[in-house]
Amino acid sequence: MHVFKSKIDRWVLVCFVLSIFACLMGVSVMLKIGGTANYVMAAVIIVAGIGFPLWILASTRYITDQDNLKIISGPFSWVIPIQSITSIQETQSAITSPALSFDRLEIIYDEDKAIVISPFDKAKFIESLGSEKLVVADKNLRKISKKNKKHRKNG
């Protein structure tokens, strides 16, 4: 079993920090005003506006074993059988996904499904999937994949 953390772009980190800061400012105003409704709303904002982003930042990871790729991002998770993966390609798609960076991989699986992820070490991630079975759709990734395969045989 291999665990790969998500690469995190600085701009994503800045967005999360600004979001948390804005929530804290709103909560401080509500607590200063007082009242039951404001206290309840402040608690909801703390959980949703602060807890959720921190949960996403702390938990986004990709776990591979012999049979499956498990993707975890906060309360969301996906299990993809490795045999169902048909291709992996680099992408900079801005589509919402369990990826905290624009340095992303798009994984095509089953016949018409796709998910975008951003493992910190893309080459080792692809290698852990048994890349010899996969069609890697980018020349640079193919070179990385072949280099790692040679290194595994020689090492």
C-alpha atoms as a PDB file:
ATOM      1  CA  MET A   1       0.000   0.000   0.000  1.00  0.00           C
ATOM      2  CA  HIS A   2       1.282   3.454  -0.960  1.00  0.00           C
ATOM      3  CA  VAL A   3      -0.078   6.779   0.294  1.00  0.00           C
ATOM      4  CA  PHE A   4       0.402   9.932  -1.779  1.00  0.00           C
ATOM      5  CA  LYS A   5      -0.432  13.376  -0.411  1.00  0.00           C
ATOM      6  CA  SER A   6      -1.905  15.961  -2.730  1.00  0.00           C
ATOM      7  CA  LYS A   7       0.378  18.649  -4.042  1.00  0.00           C
ATOM      8  CA  ILE A   8      -0.878  22.026  -2.753  1.00  0.00           C
ATOM      9  CA  ASP A   9      -0.489  25.188  -4.821  1.00  0.00           C
ATOM     10  CA  ARG A  10       0.250  28.387  -2.929  1.00  0.00           C
ATOM     11  CA  TRP A  11      -2.802  30.108  -4.377  1.00  0.00           C
ATOM     12  CA  VAL A  12      -5.035  27.312  -3.020  1.00  0.00           C
ATOM     13  CA  LEU A  13      -3.461  27.729   0.397  1.00  0.00           C
ATOM     14  CA  VAL A  14      -3.955  31.511   0.218  1.00  0.00           C
ATOM     15  CA  CYS A  15      -7.638  31.039  -0.747  1.00  0.00           C
ATOM     16  CA  PHE A  16      -8.188  28.661   2.166  1.00  0.00           C
ATOM     17  CA  VAL A  17      -6.455  31.021   4.620  1.00  0.00           C
ATOM     18  CA  LEU A  18      -8.447  34.036   3.378  1.00  0.00           C
ATOM     19  CA  SER A  19     -11.672  32.055   3.623  1.00  0.00           C
ATOM     20  CA  ILE A  20     -10.879  31.009   7.185  1.00  0.00           C
ATOM     21  CA  PHE A  21      -9.915  34.581   8.094  1.00  0.00           C
ATOM     22  CA  ALA A  22     -13.207  35.929   6.656  1.00  0.00           C
ATOM     23  CA  CYS A  23     -15.159  33.342   8.647  1.00  0.00           C
ATOM     24  CA  LEU A  24     -13.316  34.267  11.841  1.00  0.00           C
ATOM     25  CA  MET A  25     -14.127  37.937  11.280  1.00  0.00           C
ATOM     26  CA  GLY A  26     -17.814  37.131  10.761  1.00  0.00           C
ATOM     27  CA  VAL A  27     -17.872  34.906  13.837  1.00  0.00           C
ATOM     28  CA  SER A  28     -16.221  37.600  15.967  1.00  0.00           C
ATOM     29  CA  VAL A  29     -18.912  40.118  14.957  1.00  0.00           C
ATOM     30  CA  MET A  30     -21.681  37.628  15.779  1.00  0.00           C
ATOM     31  CA  LEU A  31     -20.165  36.813  19.160  1.00  0.00           C
ATOM     32  CA  LYS A  32     -19.732  40.522  19.948  1.00  0.00           C
ATOM     33  CA  ILE A  33     -23.424  41.195  19.174  1.00  0.00           C
ATOM     34  CA  GLY A  34     -24.486  38.170  21.220  1.00  0.00           C
ATOM     35  CA  GLY A  35     -27.797  36.383  21.362  1.00  0.00           C
ATOM     36  CA  THR A  36     -28.713  32.743  20.908  1.00  0.00           C
ATOM     37  CA  ALA A  37     -29.294  32.989  17.155  1.00  0.00           C
ATOM     38  CA  ASN A  38     -25.890  34.622  16.634  1.00  0.00           C
ATOM     39  CA  TYR A  39     -24.153  32.006  18.787  1.00  0.00           C
ATOM     40  CA  VAL A  40     -25.768  29.191  16.801  1.00  0.00           C
ATOM     41  CA  MET A  41     -24.878  30.863  13.499  1.00  0.00           C
ATOM     42  CA  ALA A  42     -21.288  31.403  14.696  1.00  0.00           C
ATOM     43  CA  ALA A  43     -21.002  27.690  15.540  1.00  0.00           C
ATOM     44  CA  VAL A  44     -22.321  26.736  12.087  1.00  0.00           C
ATOM     45  CA  ILE A  45     -19.851  29.093  10.403  1.00  0.00           C
ATOM     46  CA  ILE A  46     -16.959  27.705  12.435  1.00  0.00           C
ATOM     47  CA  VAL A  47     -17.822  24.133  11.464  1.00  0.00           C
ATOM     48  CA  ALA A  48     -18.646  24.808   7.803  1.00  0.00           C
ATOM     49  CA  GLY A  49     -16.392  27.745   7.007  1.00  0.00           C
ATOM     50  CA  ILE A  50     -13.317  26.797   9.007  1.00  0.00           C
ATOM     51  CA  GLY A  51     -13.550  23.083   9.757  1.00  0.00           C
ATOM     52  CA  PHE A  52     -14.436  21.967   6.236  1.00  0.00           C
ATOM     53  CA  PRO A  53     -11.493  23.712   4.463  1.00  0.00           C
ATOM     54  CA  LEU A  54      -9.064  22.474   7.124  1.00  0.00           C
ATOM     55  CA  TRP A  55     -10.445  18.947   6.735  1.00  0.00           C
ATOM     56  CA  ILE A  56      -9.942  19.105   2.958  1.00  0.00           C
ATOM     57  CA  LEU A  57      -6.379  20.434   3.339  1.00  0.00           C
ATOM     58  CA  ALA A  58      -5.386  17.863   5.939  1.00  0.00           C
ATOM     59  CA  SER A  59      -6.986  14.779   4.410  1.00  0.00           C
ATOM     60  CA  THR A  60      -6.629  14.926   0.625  1.00  0.00           C
ATOM     61  CA  ARG A  61      -4.594  11.882  -0.348  1.00  0.00           C
ATOM     62  CA  TYR A  62      -4.461   8.989  -2.774  1.00  0.00           C
ATOM     63  CA  ILE A  63      -3.911   5.418  -1.595  1.00  0.00           C
ATOM     64  CA  THR A  64      -2.903   2.609  -3.923  1.00  0.00           C
ATOM     65  CA  ASP A  65      -2.695  -1.089  -3.252  1.00  0.00           C
ATOM     66  CA  GLN A  66      -2.550  -4.057  -5.622  1.00  0.00           C
ATOM     67  CA  ASP A  67      -6.209  -3.824  -6.580  1.00  0.00           C
ATOM     68  CA  ASN A  68      -7.580  -0.350  -5.927  1.00  0.00           C
ATOM     69  CA  LEU A  69      -6.944   3.358  -5.978  1.00  0.00           C
ATOM     70  CA  LYS A  70      -8.677   5.072  -3.059  1.00  0.00           C
ATOM     71  CA  ILE A  71      -9.053   8.836  -3.209  1.00  0.00           C
ATOM     72  CA  ILE A  72      -9.905  10.693   0.006  1.00  0.00           C
ATOM     73  CA  SER A  73     -10.652  14.398   0.295  1.00  0.00           C
ATOM     74  CA  GLY A  74     -12.445  15.508   3.452  1.00  0.00           C
ATOM     75  CA  PRO A  75     -15.828  13.763   3.650  1.00  0.00           C
ATOM     76  CA  PHE A  76     -15.569  12.534   0.053  1.00  0.00           C
ATOM     77  CA  SER A  77     -13.982   9.291  -1.092  1.00  0.00           C
ATOM     78  CA  TRP A  78     -13.769   7.215  -4.244  1.00  0.00           C
ATOM     79  CA  VAL A  79     -12.567   3.647  -4.767  1.00  0.00           C
ATOM     80  CA  ILE A  80     -11.447   2.847  -8.303  1.00  0.00           C
ATOM     81  CA  PRO A  81     -10.352  -0.657  -9.270  1.00  0.00           C
ATOM     82  CA  ILE A  82      -6.931  -0.323 -10.893  1.00  0.00           C
ATOM     83  CA  GLN A  83      -7.934  -2.735 -13.658  1.00  0.00           C
ATOM     84  CA  SER A  84     -10.696  -0.320 -14.707  1.00  0.00           C
ATOM     85  CA  ILE A  85      -8.185   2.510 -15.350  1.00  0.00           C
ATOM     86  CA  THR A  86      -7.673   2.924 -19.083  1.00  0.00           C
ATOM     87  CA  SER A  87      -5.458   6.016 -19.218  1.00  0.00           C
ATOM     88  CA  ILE A  88      -3.704   8.707 -17.238  1.00  0.00           C
ATOM     89  CA  GLN A  89      -2.855  12.089 -18.682  1.00  0.00           C
ATOM     90  CA  GLU A  90      -1.547  15.383 -17.416  1.00  0.00           C
ATOM     91  CA  THR A  91      -4.066  18.183 -17.312  1.00  0.00           C
ATOM     92  CA  GLN A  92      -4.485  21.682 -15.940  1.00  0.00           C
ATOM     93  CA  SER A  93      -8.254  21.510 -15.992  1.00  0.00           C
ATOM     94  CA  ALA A  94      -9.975  23.766 -13.478  1.00  0.00           C
ATOM     95  CA  ILE A  95     -12.752  21.234 -12.949  1.00  0.00           C
ATOM     96  CA  THR A  96     -13.725  20.668  -9.326  1.00  0.00           C
ATOM     97  CA  SER A  97     -11.882  17.632  -8.087  1.00  0.00           C
ATOM     98  CA  PRO A  98      -9.970  16.140  -5.167  1.00  0.00           C
ATOM     99  CA  ALA A  99      -6.839  17.999  -6.277  1.00  0.00           C
ATOM    100  CA  LEU A 100      -5.256  20.934  -4.456  1.00  0.00           C
ATOM    101  CA  SER A 101      -2.961  21.918  -7.326  1.00  0.00           C
ATOM    102  CA  PHE A 102      -3.214  22.676 -11.035  1.00  0.00           C
ATOM    103  CA  ASP A 103      -0.370  20.211 -11.629  1.00  0.00           C
ATOM    104  CA  ARG A 104      -2.892  17.422 -12.162  1.00  0.00           C
ATOM    105  CA  LEU A 105      -3.446  13.977 -13.571  1.00  0.00           C
ATOM    106  CA  GLU A 106      -6.711  12.997 -15.209  1.00  0.00           C
ATOM    107  CA  ILE A 107      -7.533   9.344 -14.664  1.00  0.00           C
ATOM    108  CA  ILE A 108      -9.939   7.780 -17.123  1.00  0.00           C
ATOM    109  CA  TYR A 109     -11.602   4.629 -15.834  1.00  0.00           C
ATOM    110  CA  ASP A 110     -14.454   2.302 -16.692  1.00  0.00           C
ATOM    111  CA  GLU A 111     -15.705   3.414 -20.077  1.00  0.00           C
ATOM    112  CA  ASP A 112     -16.753   6.986 -19.518  1.00  0.00           C
ATOM    113  CA  LYS A 113     -15.655   8.122 -16.076  1.00  0.00           C
ATOM    114  CA  ALA A 114     -12.846  10.504 -15.165  1.00  0.00           C
ATOM    115  CA  ILE A 115     -11.392  11.997 -12.016  1.00  0.00           C
ATOM    116  CA  VAL A 116      -8.663  14.608 -11.637  1.00  0.00           C
ATOM    117  CA  ILE A 117      -6.061  14.344  -8.869  1.00  0.00           C
ATOM    118  CA  SER A 118      -2.764  16.035  -7.988  1.00  0.00           C
ATOM    119  CA  PRO A 119      -0.327  13.656  -6.292  1.00  0.00           C
ATOM    120  CA  PHE A 120       2.837  15.360  -5.064  1.00  0.00           C
ATOM    121  CA  ASP A 121       5.032  12.752  -6.799  1.00  0.00           C
ATOM    122  CA  LYS A 122       3.264  11.909 -10.053  1.00  0.00           C
ATOM    123  CA  ALA A 123       5.932   9.482 -11.283  1.00  0.00           C
ATOM    124  CA  LYS A 124       5.866   7.328  -8.146  1.00  0.00           C
ATOM    125  CA  PHE A 125       2.087   7.477  -8.133  1.00  0.00           C
ATOM    126  CA  ILE A 126       1.893   6.146 -11.698  1.00  0.00           C
ATOM    127  CA  GLU A 127       4.477   3.496 -10.886  1.00  0.00           C
ATOM    128  CA  SER A 128       2.443   2.348  -7.879  1.00  0.00           C
ATOM    129  CA  LEU A 129      -0.528   1.719 -10.157  1.00  0.00           C
ATOM    130  CA  GLY A 130       1.505  -0.732 -12.224  1.00  0.00           C
ATOM    131  CA  SER A 131       1.879   1.708 -15.106  1.00  0.00           C
ATOM    132  CA  GLU A 132       2.891  -1.023 -17.556  1.00  0.00           C
ATOM    133  CA  LYS A 133      -0.835  -1.860 -17.740  1.00  0.00           C
ATOM    134  CA  LEU A 134      -1.883   1.710 -18.422  1.00  0.00           C
ATOM    135  CA  VAL A 135      -1.940   3.928 -21.440  1.00  0.00           C
ATOM    136  CA  VAL A 136      -0.162   7.070 -20.301  1.00  0.00           C
ATOM    137  CA  ALA A 137      -1.316   9.786 -22.653  1.00  0.00           C
ATOM    138  CA  ASP A 138       1.504  12.284 -22.156  1.00  0.00           C
ATOM    139  CA  LYS A 139       5.041  11.869 -23.533  1.00  0.00           C
ATOM    140  CA  ASN A 140       6.719  13.235 -20.395  1.00  0.00           C
ATOM    141  CA  LEU A 141       4.735  10.920 -18.147  1.00  0.00           C
ATOM    142  CA  ARG A 142       5.534   8.007 -20.463  1.00  0.00           C
ATOM    143  CA  LYS A 143       9.258   8.802 -20.143  1.00  0.00           C
ATOM    144  CA  ILE A 144       8.966   9.009 -16.349  1.00  0.00           C
ATOM    145  CA  SER A 145       7.029   5.763 -16.273  1.00  0.00           C
ATOM    146  CA  LYS A 146       9.584   3.910 -18.439  1.00  0.00           C
ATOM    147  CA  LYS A 147      12.493   5.328 -16.433  1.00  0.00           C
ATOM    148  CA  ASN A 148      10.936   4.120 -13.178  1.00  0.00           C
ATOM    149  CA  LYS A 149      10.220   0.693 -14.655  1.00  0.00           C
ATOM    150  CA  LYS A 150      13.903   0.334 -15.692  1.00  0.00           C
ATOM    151  CA  HIS A 151      15.022   1.522 -12.263  1.00  0.00           C
ATOM    152  CA  ARG A 152      12.778  -1.068 -10.570  1.00  0.00           C
ATOM    153  CA  LYS A 153      14.249  -3.885 -12.704  1.00  0.00           C
ATOM    154  CA  ASN A 154      17.859  -2.776 -12.122  1.00  0.00           C
ATOM    155  CA  GLY A 155      17.410  -1.840  -8.437  1.00  0.00           C
END
